[in-house]
Structures are given as C-alpha cells and as structure tokens.
PDB file of N, CA and C in Angstrom:
ATOM      1  N   MET A   1      82.357  91.445  67.164  1.00  0.00           N
ATOM      2  CA  MET A   1      83.838  90.762  67.808  1.00  0.00           C
ATOM      3  C   MET A   1      84.754  91.931  67.419  1.00  0.00           C
ATOM      4  N   PHE A   2      83.940  93.128  67.165  1.00  0.00           N
ATOM      5  CA  PHE A   2      84.611  94.754  66.934  1.00  0.00           C
ATOM      6  C   PHE A   2      84.399  95.351  68.103  1.00  0.00           C
ATOM      7  N   LYS A   3      82.988  94.960  68.459  1.00  0.00           N
ATOM      8  CA  LYS A   3      82.725  95.629  70.076  1.00  0.00           C
ATOM      9  C   LYS A   3      84.068  95.478  71.082  1.00  0.00           C
ATOM     10  N   GLY A   4      84.242  93.686  71.461  1.00  0.00           N
ATOM     11  CA  GLY A   4      85.175  93.556  72.211  1.00  0.00           C
ATOM     12  C   GLY A   4      86.640  94.243  72.261  1.00  0.00           C
ATOM     13  N   LEU A   5      86.781  94.870  70.936  1.00  0.00           N
ATOM     14  CA  LEU A   5      87.817  95.693  70.904  1.00  0.00           C
ATOM     15  C   LEU A   5      87.876  96.892  71.528  1.00  0.00           C
ATOM     16  N   GLY A   6      86.415  97.817  71.628  1.00  0.00           N
ATOM     17  CA  GLY A   6      86.357  98.850  71.725  1.00  0.00           C
ATOM     18  C   GLY A   6      86.203  98.971  73.367  1.00  0.00           C
ATOM     19  N   ASN A   7      85.964  98.042  73.686  1.00  0.00           N
ATOM     20  CA  ASN A   7      85.882  97.970  75.402  1.00  0.00           C
ATOM     21  C   ASN A   7      87.212  97.495  75.642  1.00  0.00           C
ATOM     22  N   ILE A   8      88.128  96.800  74.833  1.00  0.00           N
ATOM     23  CA  ILE A   8      89.636  96.672  75.835  1.00  0.00           C
ATOM     24  C   ILE A   8      90.516  98.000  75.513  1.00  0.00           C
ATOM     25  N   ALA A   9      89.875  98.428  73.894  1.00  0.00           N
ATOM     26  CA  ALA A   9      90.190  99.997  74.341  1.00  0.00           C
ATOM     27  C   ALA A   9      90.537 100.896  75.274  1.00  0.00           C
ATOM     28  N   GLY A  10      88.743 101.099  75.540  1.00  0.00           N
ATOM     29  CA  GLY A  10      88.251 101.957  76.952  1.00  0.00           C
ATOM     30  C   GLY A  10      88.921 101.542  78.164  1.00  0.00           C
ATOM     31  N   MET A  11      89.092 100.017  78.208  1.00  0.00           N
ATOM     32  CA  MET A  11      89.914  99.564  79.486  1.00  0.00           C
ATOM     33  C   MET A  11      91.138 100.158  80.014  1.00  0.00           C
ATOM     34  N   MET A  12      91.619 100.216  78.347  1.00  0.00           N
ATOM     35  CA  MET A  12      93.614 100.734  78.344  1.00  0.00           C
ATOM     36  C   MET A  12      93.344 101.758  79.104  1.00  0.00           C
ATOM     37  N   LYS A  13      92.551 102.239  78.090  1.00  0.00           N
ATOM     38  CA  LYS A  13      92.305 103.832  78.212  1.00  0.00           C
ATOM     39  C   LYS A  13      92.563 104.639  79.971  1.00  0.00           C
ATOM     40  N   GLN A  14      91.485 103.309  80.865  1.00  0.00           N
ATOM     41  CA  GLN A  14      91.231 104.061  82.143  1.00  0.00           C
ATOM     42  C   GLN A  14      92.694 103.057  82.932  1.00  0.00           C
ATOM     43  N   PHE A  15      92.927 102.376  82.344  1.00  0.00           N
ATOM     44  CA  PHE A  15      93.825 102.086  82.993  1.00  0.00           C
ATOM     45  C   PHE A  15      94.946 103.018  83.108  1.00  0.00           C
ATOM     46  N   SER A  16      95.286 103.332  81.622  1.00  0.00           N
ATOM     47  CA  SER A  16      96.447 104.597  81.434  1.00  0.00           C
ATOM     48  C   SER A  16      95.655 106.070  82.570  1.00  0.00           C
ATOM     49  N   GLU A  17      94.833 105.997  82.444  1.00  0.00           N
ATOM     50  CA  GLU A  17      93.902 107.465  83.643  1.00  0.00           C
ATOM     51  C   GLU A  17      94.303 107.244  85.101  1.00  0.00           C
ATOM     52  N   MET A  18      94.315 106.064  85.452  1.00  0.00           N
ATOM     53  CA  MET A  18      94.023 105.608  86.825  1.00  0.00           C
ATOM     54  C   MET A  18      95.892 105.252  87.336  1.00  0.00           C
ATOM     55  N   GLN A  19      96.657 104.881  86.075  1.00  0.00           N
ATOM     56  CA  GLN A  19      98.218 105.027  86.564  1.00  0.00           C
ATOM     57  C   GLN A  19      98.290 106.456  87.175  1.00  0.00           C
ATOM     58  N   GLY A  20      97.812 107.401  86.378  1.00  0.00           N
ATOM     59  CA  GLY A  20      98.347 108.616  86.367  1.00  0.00           C
ATOM     60  C   GLY A  20      97.921 109.042  87.641  1.00  0.00           C
ATOM     61  N   LYS A  21      96.754 108.923  88.113  1.00  0.00           N
ATOM     62  CA  LYS A  21      96.316 109.082  89.237  1.00  0.00           C
ATOM     63  C   LYS A  21      96.567 108.699  89.921  1.00  0.00           C
ATOM     64  N   MET A  22      97.481 107.705  90.448  1.00  0.00           N
ATOM     65  CA  MET A  22      97.992 106.741  91.520  1.00  0.00           C
ATOM     66  C   MET A  22      99.457 107.300  91.398  1.00  0.00           C
ATOM     67  N   THR A  23     100.220 108.032  90.286  1.00  0.00           N
ATOM     68  CA  THR A  23     101.487 108.742  90.211  1.00  0.00           C
ATOM     69  C   THR A  23     101.558 109.772  91.083  1.00  0.00           C
ATOM     70  N   GLU A  24     100.274 110.302  90.490  1.00  0.00           N
ATOM     71  CA  GLU A  24     100.080 111.299  91.316  1.00  0.00           C
ATOM     72  C   GLU A  24      99.699 111.614  92.859  1.00  0.00           C
ATOM     73  N   MET A  25      99.144 110.820  93.496  1.00  0.00           N
ATOM     74  CA  MET A  25      98.421 110.456  94.694  1.00  0.00           C
ATOM     75  C   MET A  25      99.585 110.258  95.115  1.00  0.00           C
ATOM     76  N   GLN A  26     100.897 109.165  94.800  1.00  0.00           N
ATOM     77  CA  GLN A  26     101.697 109.340  95.655  1.00  0.00           C
ATOM     78  C   GLN A  26     102.786 110.164  95.480  1.00  0.00           C
ATOM     79  N   GLU A  27     102.968 111.186  94.800  1.00  0.00           N
ATOM     80  CA  GLU A  27     103.283 112.219  95.265  1.00  0.00           C
ATOM     81  C   GLU A  27     103.162 112.874  96.180  1.00  0.00           C
ATOM     82  N   LYS A  28     101.997 113.361  95.994  1.00  0.00           N
ATOM     83  CA  LYS A  28     100.902 114.211  97.268  1.00  0.00           C
ATOM     84  C   LYS A  28     101.241 113.353  98.490  1.00  0.00           C
ATOM     85  N   LEU A  29     101.330 112.215  98.505  1.00  0.00           N
ATOM     86  CA  LEU A  29     101.470 111.879  99.885  1.00  0.00           C
ATOM     87  C   LEU A  29     102.800 111.596 100.297  1.00  0.00           C
ATOM     88  N   GLY A  30     103.759 112.288  99.453  1.00  0.00           N
ATOM     89  CA  GLY A  30     105.146 112.275  99.673  1.00  0.00           C
ATOM     90  C   GLY A  30     105.011 113.133 100.215  1.00  0.00           C
ATOM     91  N   LYS A  31     104.371 114.240  99.991  1.00  0.00           N
ATOM     92  CA  LYS A  31     104.441 115.951 100.689  1.00  0.00           C
ATOM     93  C   LYS A  31     103.879 116.168 102.059  1.00  0.00           C
ATOM     94  N   LEU A  32     102.686 114.967 102.511  1.00  0.00           N
ATOM     95  CA  LEU A  32     101.632 115.006 103.355  1.00  0.00           C
ATOM     96  C   LEU A  32     103.002 114.610 104.930  1.00  0.00           C
ATOM     97  N   ARG A  33     102.334 115.566 105.827  1.00  0.00           N
ATOM     98  CA  ARG A  33     103.610 115.067 106.751  1.00  0.00           C
ATOM     99  C   ARG A  33     102.749 114.628 108.011  1.00  0.00           C
ATOM    100  N   PHE A  34     102.530 113.573 109.304  1.00  0.00           N
ATOM    101  CA  PHE A  34     102.103 112.984 109.898  1.00  0.00           C
ATOM    102  C   PHE A  34     102.968 113.071 111.585  1.00  0.00           C
ATOM    103  N   GLU A  35     102.427 113.321 112.747  1.00  0.00           N
ATOM    104  CA  GLU A  35     103.612 113.570 113.823  1.00  0.00           C
ATOM    105  C   GLU A  35     102.802 112.294 114.583  1.00  0.00           C
ATOM    106  N   GLY A  36     103.922 111.609 115.070  1.00  0.00           N
ATOM    107  CA  GLY A  36     102.950 111.240 116.284  1.00  0.00           C
ATOM    108  C   GLY A  36     104.254 110.814 117.622  1.00  0.00           C
ATOM    109  N   SER A  37     103.689 111.112 118.562  1.00  0.00           N
ATOM    110  CA  SER A  37     104.407 111.450 120.198  1.00  0.00           C
ATOM    111  C   SER A  37     103.754 110.630 121.196  1.00  0.00           C
ATOM    112  N   ALA A  38     104.580 110.421 122.075  1.00  0.00           N
ATOM    113  CA  ALA A  38     104.624 109.516 123.071  1.00  0.00           C
ATOM    114  C   ALA A  38     105.665 110.827 124.072  1.00  0.00           C
ATOM    115  N   GLY A  39     104.731 109.974 125.533  1.00  0.00           N
ATOM    116  CA  GLY A  39     105.514 110.131 126.749  1.00  0.00           C
ATOM    117  C   GLY A  39     105.047 111.673 126.855  1.00  0.00           C
ATOM    118  N   GLY A  40     104.367 112.048 126.881  1.00  0.00           N
ATOM    119  CA  GLY A  40     103.961 113.436 126.852  1.00  0.00           C
ATOM    120  C   GLY A  40     104.848 114.364 125.814  1.00  0.00           C
ATOM    121  N   GLY A  41     104.775 114.025 124.934  1.00  0.00           N
ATOM    122  CA  GLY A  41     105.409 115.101 124.102  1.00  0.00           C
ATOM    123  C   GLY A  41     106.941 114.849 123.999  1.00  0.00           C
ATOM    124  N   MET A  42     107.635 113.579 124.677  1.00  0.00           N
ATOM    125  CA  MET A  42     108.933 113.732 124.901  1.00  0.00           C
ATOM    126  C   MET A  42     109.777 112.821 123.496  1.00  0.00           C
ATOM    127  N   VAL A  43     108.931 112.304 123.325  1.00  0.00           N
ATOM    128  CA  VAL A  43     109.322 111.419 121.839  1.00  0.00           C
ATOM    129  C   VAL A  43     108.367 111.782 120.849  1.00  0.00           C
ATOM    130  N   ASN A  44     109.197 112.348 119.532  1.00  0.00           N
ATOM    131  CA  ASN A  44     108.236 112.997 118.413  1.00  0.00           C
ATOM    132  C   ASN A  44     108.782 112.369 116.711  1.00  0.00           C
ATOM    133  N   VAL A  45     107.651 111.849 116.647  1.00  0.00           N
ATOM    134  CA  VAL A  45     108.243 111.114 115.244  1.00  0.00           C
ATOM    135  C   VAL A  45     107.029 111.390 114.020  1.00  0.00           C
ATOM    136  N   GLU A  46     107.714 111.921 112.933  1.00  0.00           N
ATOM    137  CA  GLU A  46     107.545 112.668 111.617  1.00  0.00           C
ATOM    138  C   GLU A  46     107.381 111.113 110.415  1.00  0.00           C
ATOM    139  N   ALA A  47     106.269 111.332 109.838  1.00  0.00           N
ATOM    140  CA  ALA A  47     106.166 110.022 108.936  1.00  0.00           C
ATOM    141  C   ALA A  47     105.844 110.921 107.910  1.00  0.00           C
ATOM    142  N   ASN A  48     105.864 110.700 106.249  1.00  0.00           N
ATOM    143  CA  ASN A  48     105.103 111.411 105.131  1.00  0.00           C
ATOM    144  C   ASN A  48     104.252 110.167 104.931  1.00  0.00           C
ATOM    145  N   GLY A  49     103.055 110.241 103.730  1.00  0.00           N
ATOM    146  CA  GLY A  49     101.979 109.423 103.735  1.00  0.00           C
ATOM    147  C   GLY A  49     102.396 108.398 102.506  1.00  0.00           C
ATOM    148  N   GLN A  50     103.670 108.411 102.423  1.00  0.00           N
ATOM    149  CA  GLN A  50     104.109 107.377 101.954  1.00  0.00           C
ATOM    150  C   GLN A  50     104.558 105.793 103.130  1.00  0.00           C
ATOM    151  N   GLN A  51     104.135 106.662 104.317  1.00  0.00           N
ATOM    152  CA  GLN A  51     104.778 105.707 105.173  1.00  0.00           C
ATOM    153  C   GLN A  51     105.834 105.393 105.732  1.00  0.00           C
ATOM    154  N   LYS A  52     106.923 106.629 105.110  1.00  0.00           N
ATOM    155  CA  LYS A  52     107.995 106.711 105.154  1.00  0.00           C
ATOM    156  C   LYS A  52     108.298 107.866 106.502  1.00  0.00           C
ATOM    157  N   ILE A  53     108.955 106.939 107.328  1.00  0.00           N
ATOM    158  CA  ILE A  53     109.692 108.182 109.008  1.00  0.00           C
ATOM    159  C   ILE A  53     111.064 109.290 108.620  1.00  0.00           C
ATOM    160  N   LEU A  54     110.497 110.143 108.550  1.00  0.00           N
ATOM    161  CA  LEU A  54     110.886 111.568 108.176  1.00  0.00           C
ATOM    162  C   LEU A  54     112.392 111.871 109.397  1.00  0.00           C
ATOM    163  N   GLY A  55     111.648 111.572 110.537  1.00  0.00           N
ATOM    164  CA  GLY A  55     112.311 112.555 111.699  1.00  0.00           C
ATOM    165  C   GLY A  55     112.058 112.184 112.991  1.00  0.00           C
ATOM    166  N   VAL A  56     112.808 111.598 113.836  1.00  0.00           N
ATOM    167  CA  VAL A  56     112.630 111.352 115.408  1.00  0.00           C
ATOM    168  C   VAL A  56     113.457 112.837 116.023  1.00  0.00           C
ATOM    169  N   LYS A  57     112.369 112.547 117.081  1.00  0.00           N
ATOM    170  CA  LYS A  57     112.905 114.261 118.438  1.00  0.00           C
ATOM    171  C   LYS A  57     113.146 113.504 119.421  1.00  0.00           C
ATOM    172  N   ILE A  58     114.021 113.264 120.454  1.00  0.00           N
ATOM    173  CA  ILE A  58     113.564 112.927 121.527  1.00  0.00           C
ATOM    174  C   ILE A  58     114.553 113.900 122.860  1.00  0.00           C
ATOM    175  N   ASP A  59     113.302 113.916 123.917  1.00  0.00           N
ATOM    176  CA  ASP A  59     113.873 115.212 124.373  1.00  0.00           C
ATOM    177  C   ASP A  59     115.239 114.784 125.262  1.00  0.00           C
ATOM    178  N   GLN A  60     115.865 115.929 125.966  1.00  0.00           N
ATOM    179  CA  GLN A  60     117.426 115.655 126.033  1.00  0.00           C
ATOM    180  C   GLN A  60     117.175 114.863 127.399  1.00  0.00           C
ATOM    181  N   THR A  61     116.372 115.651 128.422  1.00  0.00           N
ATOM    182  CA  THR A  61     115.662 114.879 129.623  1.00  0.00           C
ATOM    183  C   THR A  61     115.713 113.287 129.625  1.00  0.00           C
ATOM    184  N   LEU A  62     115.172 113.465 128.482  1.00  0.00           N
ATOM    185  CA  LEU A  62     114.961 111.445 128.511  1.00  0.00           C
ATOM    186  C   LEU A  62     116.090 110.702 128.121  1.00  0.00           C
ATOM    187  N   LEU A  63     116.570 111.315 127.057  1.00  0.00           N
ATOM    188  CA  LEU A  63     118.057 110.565 127.039  1.00  0.00           C
ATOM    189  C   LEU A  63     119.612 110.811 127.917  1.00  0.00           C
ATOM    190  N   GLU A  64     118.641 111.592 128.796  1.00  0.00           N
ATOM    191  CA  GLU A  64     119.479 111.946 129.889  1.00  0.00           C
ATOM    192  C   GLU A  64     119.589 110.986 131.299  1.00  0.00           C
ATOM    193  N   SER A  65     118.085 110.991 131.009  1.00  0.00           N
ATOM    194  CA  SER A  65     117.352 109.438 132.524  1.00  0.00           C
ATOM    195  C   SER A  65     118.388 108.042 132.629  1.00  0.00           C
ATOM    196  N   GLY A  66     118.971 107.556 131.392  1.00  0.00           N
ATOM    197  CA  GLY A  66     119.329 106.856 130.988  1.00  0.00           C
ATOM    198  C   GLY A  66     118.171 105.485 131.155  1.00  0.00           C
ATOM    199  N   ASP A  67     117.190 105.385 130.593  1.00  0.00           N
ATOM    200  CA  ASP A  67     116.704 104.438 130.877  1.00  0.00           C
ATOM    201  C   ASP A  67     116.281 104.104 129.240  1.00  0.00           C
ATOM    202  N   ARG A  68     116.581 103.165 129.237  1.00  0.00           N
ATOM    203  CA  ARG A  68     116.666 102.392 127.564  1.00  0.00           C
ATOM    204  C   ARG A  68     115.593 102.051 127.608  1.00  0.00           C
ATOM    205  N   GLU A  69     114.859 101.120 128.469  1.00  0.00           N
ATOM    206  CA  GLU A  69     113.379 100.598 127.747  1.00  0.00           C
ATOM    207  C   GLU A  69     112.643 101.567 128.112  1.00  0.00           C
ATOM    208  N   MET A  70     112.307 102.354 128.466  1.00  0.00           N
ATOM    209  CA  MET A  70     111.392 103.093 128.164  1.00  0.00           C
ATOM    210  C   MET A  70     111.962 104.145 126.882  1.00  0.00           C
ATOM    211  N   LEU A  71     112.870 104.557 126.973  1.00  0.00           N
ATOM    212  CA  LEU A  71     112.981 105.009 125.223  1.00  0.00           C
ATOM    213  C   LEU A  71     112.512 104.376 124.237  1.00  0.00           C
ATOM    214  N   GLU A  72     113.391 103.107 124.162  1.00  0.00           N
ATOM    215  CA  GLU A  72     112.416 102.238 123.331  1.00  0.00           C
ATOM    216  C   GLU A  72     111.306 102.226 123.147  1.00  0.00           C
ATOM    217  N   ASP A  73     110.247 102.175 124.206  1.00  0.00           N
ATOM    218  CA  ASP A  73     109.317 102.567 124.421  1.00  0.00           C
ATOM    219  C   ASP A  73     108.617 103.284 123.632  1.00  0.00           C
ATOM    220  N   LEU A  74     108.600 103.976 124.174  1.00  0.00           N
ATOM    221  CA  LEU A  74     108.447 105.627 123.247  1.00  0.00           C
ATOM    222  C   LEU A  74     108.702 105.754 122.267  1.00  0.00           C
ATOM    223  N   ILE A  75     109.744 105.439 121.633  1.00  0.00           N
ATOM    224  CA  ILE A  75     110.223 105.525 120.029  1.00  0.00           C
ATOM    225  C   ILE A  75     109.225 104.313 119.247  1.00  0.00           C
ATOM    226  N   THR A  76     108.826 103.271 119.770  1.00  0.00           N
ATOM    227  CA  THR A  76     107.962 102.716 119.258  1.00  0.00           C
ATOM    228  C   THR A  76     106.734 102.914 118.884  1.00  0.00           C
ATOM    229  N   ALA A  77     106.300 103.722 120.168  1.00  0.00           N
ATOM    230  CA  ALA A  77     104.650 104.056 120.241  1.00  0.00           C
ATOM    231  C   ALA A  77     104.864 104.823 119.391  1.00  0.00           C
ATOM    232  N   ALA A  78     105.822 106.421 119.631  1.00  0.00           N
ATOM    233  CA  ALA A  78     105.375 107.322 118.706  1.00  0.00           C
ATOM    234  C   ALA A  78     105.308 106.505 117.215  1.00  0.00           C
ATOM    235  N   THR A  79     106.382 106.049 117.108  1.00  0.00           N
ATOM    236  CA  THR A  79     106.453 105.550 115.347  1.00  0.00           C
ATOM    237  C   THR A  79     104.932 105.231 115.003  1.00  0.00           C
ATOM    238  N   ASN A  80     105.010 103.830 116.085  1.00  0.00           N
ATOM    239  CA  ASN A  80     103.117 103.643 115.255  1.00  0.00           C
ATOM    240  C   ASN A  80     102.211 104.038 115.397  1.00  0.00           C
ATOM    241  N   GLN A  81     101.668 105.407 116.352  1.00  0.00           N
ATOM    242  CA  GLN A  81     101.226 106.258 116.112  1.00  0.00           C
ATOM    243  C   GLN A  81     101.408 107.153 114.697  1.00  0.00           C
ATOM    244  N   ALA A  82     102.264 107.722 114.364  1.00  0.00           N
ATOM    245  CA  ALA A  82     102.511 108.112 113.289  1.00  0.00           C
ATOM    246  C   ALA A  82     102.315 107.211 111.771  1.00  0.00           C
ATOM    247  N   LEU A  83     102.875 106.404 111.453  1.00  0.00           N
ATOM    248  CA  LEU A  83     102.259 105.473 110.769  1.00  0.00           C
ATOM    249  C   LEU A  83     100.903 105.256 110.585  1.00  0.00           C
ATOM    250  N   ASP A  84     100.606 104.798 112.042  1.00  0.00           N
ATOM    251  CA  ASP A  84      99.002 104.701 112.045  1.00  0.00           C
ATOM    252  C   ASP A  84      98.430 105.896 111.244  1.00  0.00           C
ATOM    253  N   LYS A  85      98.659 107.544 111.264  1.00  0.00           N
ATOM    254  CA  LYS A  85      97.755 108.650 110.964  1.00  0.00           C
ATOM    255  C   LYS A  85      98.505 108.400 109.434  1.00  0.00           C
ATOM    256  N   ALA A  86      99.739 108.253 109.254  1.00  0.00           N
ATOM    257  CA  ALA A  86      99.683 107.903 107.379  1.00  0.00           C
ATOM    258  C   ALA A  86      98.755 107.230 106.766  1.00  0.00           C
ATOM    259  N   ARG A  87      98.896 105.853 107.536  1.00  0.00           N
ATOM    260  CA  ARG A  87      97.863 105.155 106.692  1.00  0.00           C
ATOM    261  C   ARG A  87      96.410 105.669 106.484  1.00  0.00           C
ATOM    262  N   GLU A  88      95.863 105.855 107.451  1.00  0.00           N
ATOM    263  CA  GLU A  88      94.397 106.771 107.571  1.00  0.00           C
ATOM    264  C   GLU A  88      94.540 108.036 106.227  1.00  0.00           C
ATOM    265  N   GLY A  89      95.770 108.740 106.449  1.00  0.00           N
ATOM    266  CA  GLY A  89      95.782 109.743 105.475  1.00  0.00           C
ATOM    267  C   GLY A  89      95.772 109.227 103.958  1.00  0.00           C
ATOM    268  N   ALA A  90      96.349 108.073 103.993  1.00  0.00           N
ATOM    269  CA  ALA A  90      96.881 107.478 102.489  1.00  0.00           C
ATOM    270  C   ALA A  90      95.229 107.026 102.117  1.00  0.00           C
ATOM    271  N   ALA A  91      94.466 106.104 103.132  1.00  0.00           N
ATOM    272  CA  ALA A  91      93.083 105.993 102.830  1.00  0.00           C
ATOM    273  C   ALA A  91      92.288 107.154 102.585  1.00  0.00           C
ATOM    274  N   GLU A  92      92.231 108.175 103.282  1.00  0.00           N
ATOM    275  CA  GLU A  92      91.271 109.504 103.091  1.00  0.00           C
ATOM    276  C   GLU A  92      91.984 109.648 101.549  1.00  0.00           C
ATOM    277  N   GLN A  93      92.991 110.141 101.064  1.00  0.00           N
ATOM    278  CA  GLN A  93      93.838 110.423  99.438  1.00  0.00           C
ATOM    279  C   GLN A  93      93.129 109.652  98.658  1.00  0.00           C
ATOM    280  N   MET A  94      92.973 107.888  98.539  1.00  0.00           N
ATOM    281  CA  MET A  94      92.857 106.850  97.531  1.00  0.00           C
ATOM    282  C   MET A  94      91.087 107.229  97.744  1.00  0.00           C
ATOM    283  N   SER A  95      90.510 107.035  98.493  1.00  0.00           N
ATOM    284  CA  SER A  95      89.302 107.246  98.467  1.00  0.00           C
ATOM    285  C   SER A  95      88.441 108.925  97.765  1.00  0.00           C
ATOM    286  N   GLN A  96      89.340 109.843  97.835  1.00  0.00           N
ATOM    287  CA  GLN A  96      88.883 110.741  97.097  1.00  0.00           C
ATOM    288  C   GLN A  96      89.217 110.231  95.448  1.00  0.00           C
ATOM    289  N   ILE A  97      90.013 109.692  95.681  1.00  0.00           N
ATOM    290  CA  ILE A  97      90.416 109.247  93.677  1.00  0.00           C
ATOM    291  C   ILE A  97      89.810 108.726  92.918  1.00  0.00           C
ATOM    292  N   THR A  98      89.277 107.869  94.063  1.00  0.00           N
ATOM    293  CA  THR A  98      88.172 106.584  93.538  1.00  0.00           C
ATOM    294  C   THR A  98      86.711 106.593  93.931  1.00  0.00           C
ATOM    295  N   GLY A  99      86.956 108.230  94.388  1.00  0.00           N
ATOM    296  CA  GLY A  99      85.400 108.580  94.354  1.00  0.00           C
ATOM    297  C   GLY A  99      84.729 107.852  95.767  1.00  0.00           C
ATOM    298  N   GLY A 100      85.223 107.399  96.864  1.00  0.00           N
ATOM    299  CA  GLY A 100      84.909 106.512  97.597  1.00  0.00           C
ATOM    300  C   GLY A 100      84.266 105.204  97.480  1.00  0.00           C
ATOM    301  N   MET A 101      84.397 104.369  96.713  1.00  0.00           N
ATOM    302  CA  MET A 101      84.330 103.232  95.933  1.00  0.00           C
ATOM    303  C   MET A 101      85.507 102.448  96.645  1.00  0.00           C
ATOM    304  N   ASN A 102      84.290 101.080  97.012  1.00  0.00           N
ATOM    305  CA  ASN A 102      85.549 100.207  97.883  1.00  0.00           C
ATOM    306  C   ASN A 102      85.985  99.053  97.358  1.00  0.00           C
ATOM    307  N   ILE A 103      87.379  99.026  96.354  1.00  0.00           N
ATOM    308  CA  ILE A 103      88.022  98.363  95.370  1.00  0.00           C
ATOM    309  C   ILE A 103      88.727  97.401  96.121  1.00  0.00           C
ATOM    310  N   PRO A 104      88.140  96.461  96.302  1.00  0.00           N
ATOM    311  CA  PRO A 104      89.432  94.688  96.910  1.00  0.00           C
ATOM    312  C   PRO A 104      90.563  94.744  96.568  1.00  0.00           C
ATOM    313  N   GLY A 105      91.511  94.818  97.126  1.00  0.00           N
ATOM    314  CA  GLY A 105      93.188  94.503  97.122  1.00  0.00           C
ATOM    315  C   GLY A 105      93.599  96.291  96.721  1.00  0.00           C
ATOM    316  N   LEU A 106      92.862  97.045  96.179  1.00  0.00           N
ATOM    317  CA  LEU A 106      93.152  98.414  95.645  1.00  0.00           C
ATOM    318  C   LEU A 106      94.586  98.528  96.598  1.00  0.00           C
ATOM    319  N   ASP A 107      94.227  98.703  97.972  1.00  0.00           N
ATOM    320  CA  ASP A 107      95.233  99.872  99.068  1.00  0.00           C
ATOM    321  C   ASP A 107      96.359  98.651  99.036  1.00  0.00           C
ATOM    322  N   GLU A 108      96.057  97.249  99.091  1.00  0.00           N
ATOM    323  CA  GLU A 108      97.592  96.465  99.110  1.00  0.00           C
ATOM    324  C   GLU A 108      98.272  96.626  97.646  1.00  0.00           C
ATOM    325  N   ALA A 109      97.569  96.934  96.500  1.00  0.00           N
ATOM    326  CA  ALA A 109      98.058  97.278  95.715  1.00  0.00           C
ATOM    327  C   ALA A 109      98.899  98.578  95.405  1.00  0.00           C
ATOM    328  N   LEU A 110      98.178  99.277  96.212  1.00  0.00           N
ATOM    329  CA  LEU A 110      98.641 100.917  96.195  1.00  0.00           C
ATOM    330  C   LEU A 110     100.125 100.483  96.966  1.00  0.00           C
ATOM    331  N   SER A 111      99.976  99.783  98.472  1.00  0.00           N
ATOM    332  CA  SER A 111     101.324 100.093  99.202  1.00  0.00           C
ATOM    333  C   SER A 111     102.775  99.297  98.297  1.00  0.00           C
ATOM    334  N   LYS A 112     102.168  99.115  97.150  1.00  0.00           N
ATOM    335  CA  LYS A 112     103.544  98.203  96.397  1.00  0.00           C
ATOM    336  C   LYS A 112     104.008  98.911  95.528  1.00  0.00           C
ATOM    337  N   PHE A 113     102.972 100.135  95.331  1.00  0.00           N
ATOM    338  CA  PHE A 113     103.083 101.059  93.992  1.00  0.00           C
ATOM    339  C   PHE A 113     104.342 101.866  94.224  1.00  0.00           C
ATOM    340  N   ASN A 114     105.200 102.408  93.671  1.00  0.00           N
ATOM    341  CA  ASN A 114     105.897 103.115  93.562  1.00  0.00           C
ATOM    342  C   ASN A 114     106.483 103.527  92.423  1.00  0.00           C
ATOM    343  N   PRO A 115     106.604 104.580  92.483  1.00  0.00           N
ATOM    344  CA  PRO A 115     106.603 105.629  91.142  1.00  0.00           C
ATOM    345  C   PRO A 115     108.290 105.491  90.549  1.00  0.00           C
ATOM    346  N   ASN A 116     108.876 105.758  91.594  1.00  0.00           N
ATOM    347  CA  ASN A 116     110.432 106.187  91.366  1.00  0.00           C
ATOM    348  C   ASN A 116     111.143 104.778  91.232  1.00  0.00           C
ATOM    349  N   SER A 117     110.384 103.363  91.214  1.00  0.00           N
ATOM    350  CA  SER A 117     111.077 102.481  90.678  1.00  0.00           C
ATOM    351  C   SER A 117     111.371 101.793  89.208  1.00  0.00           C
TER     352      SER A 117
END
C-alpha cells in the first residue's frame, strides 16, 4: 500500500521538475529570433520561438509600387516562413529537454502553456 504512495510522490516530483523545465524553455524560446523573408528580401518578418511576430519590415520601393495584392502575398509568405522556423526551433529545444523522447501530445500541450498567465 505504501509503495504506491512512494510512486505517486516520485511522479509529483517529476511533474514539478518538468514544469520548471517548461517554464525555462518558454523563457528561452522568447529570446530566440527567427526571420522569414519574401520577394528577394523586400519583406522581412521576425518572430520569436514562442511564435509571436516581433516585427515586419517592408522595402520602400514595394510600398511605392501600389501593388496591394503582391504586398499582401509577400507579407503572408514571409510570416509563414518565420513561423515555420520558429516551430522548428521550438521542436529542437523541446527535444533537447526531453532527451529526444517522442511524447505524444506534448507539442500541443506546450503550445498552450504560457508561464505569464
């Protein structure tokens, strides 16, 4: 009977350690920067590892062209590229923390974890 309590205590300790690692990882991800670009560098989007857009830079000549549809397409492409890189960076960080273990559902759970809320 008491062996079961020891296992539960051990699991709770592991859970607490994992929470600490997840918080640490989220802080690291917030400091990582990823850039996406489109149109030969005419549009650049910067995102962090938490998949938040930090900035958008648009070349002045593109703004002056007046081609709204092209501008929208380039912003979308650059944003998607930056977010793809951010997701890859987050997955790489996660594999370092979990020792490469593939834990089903962990990526989804992490995407909902926010230490600031």
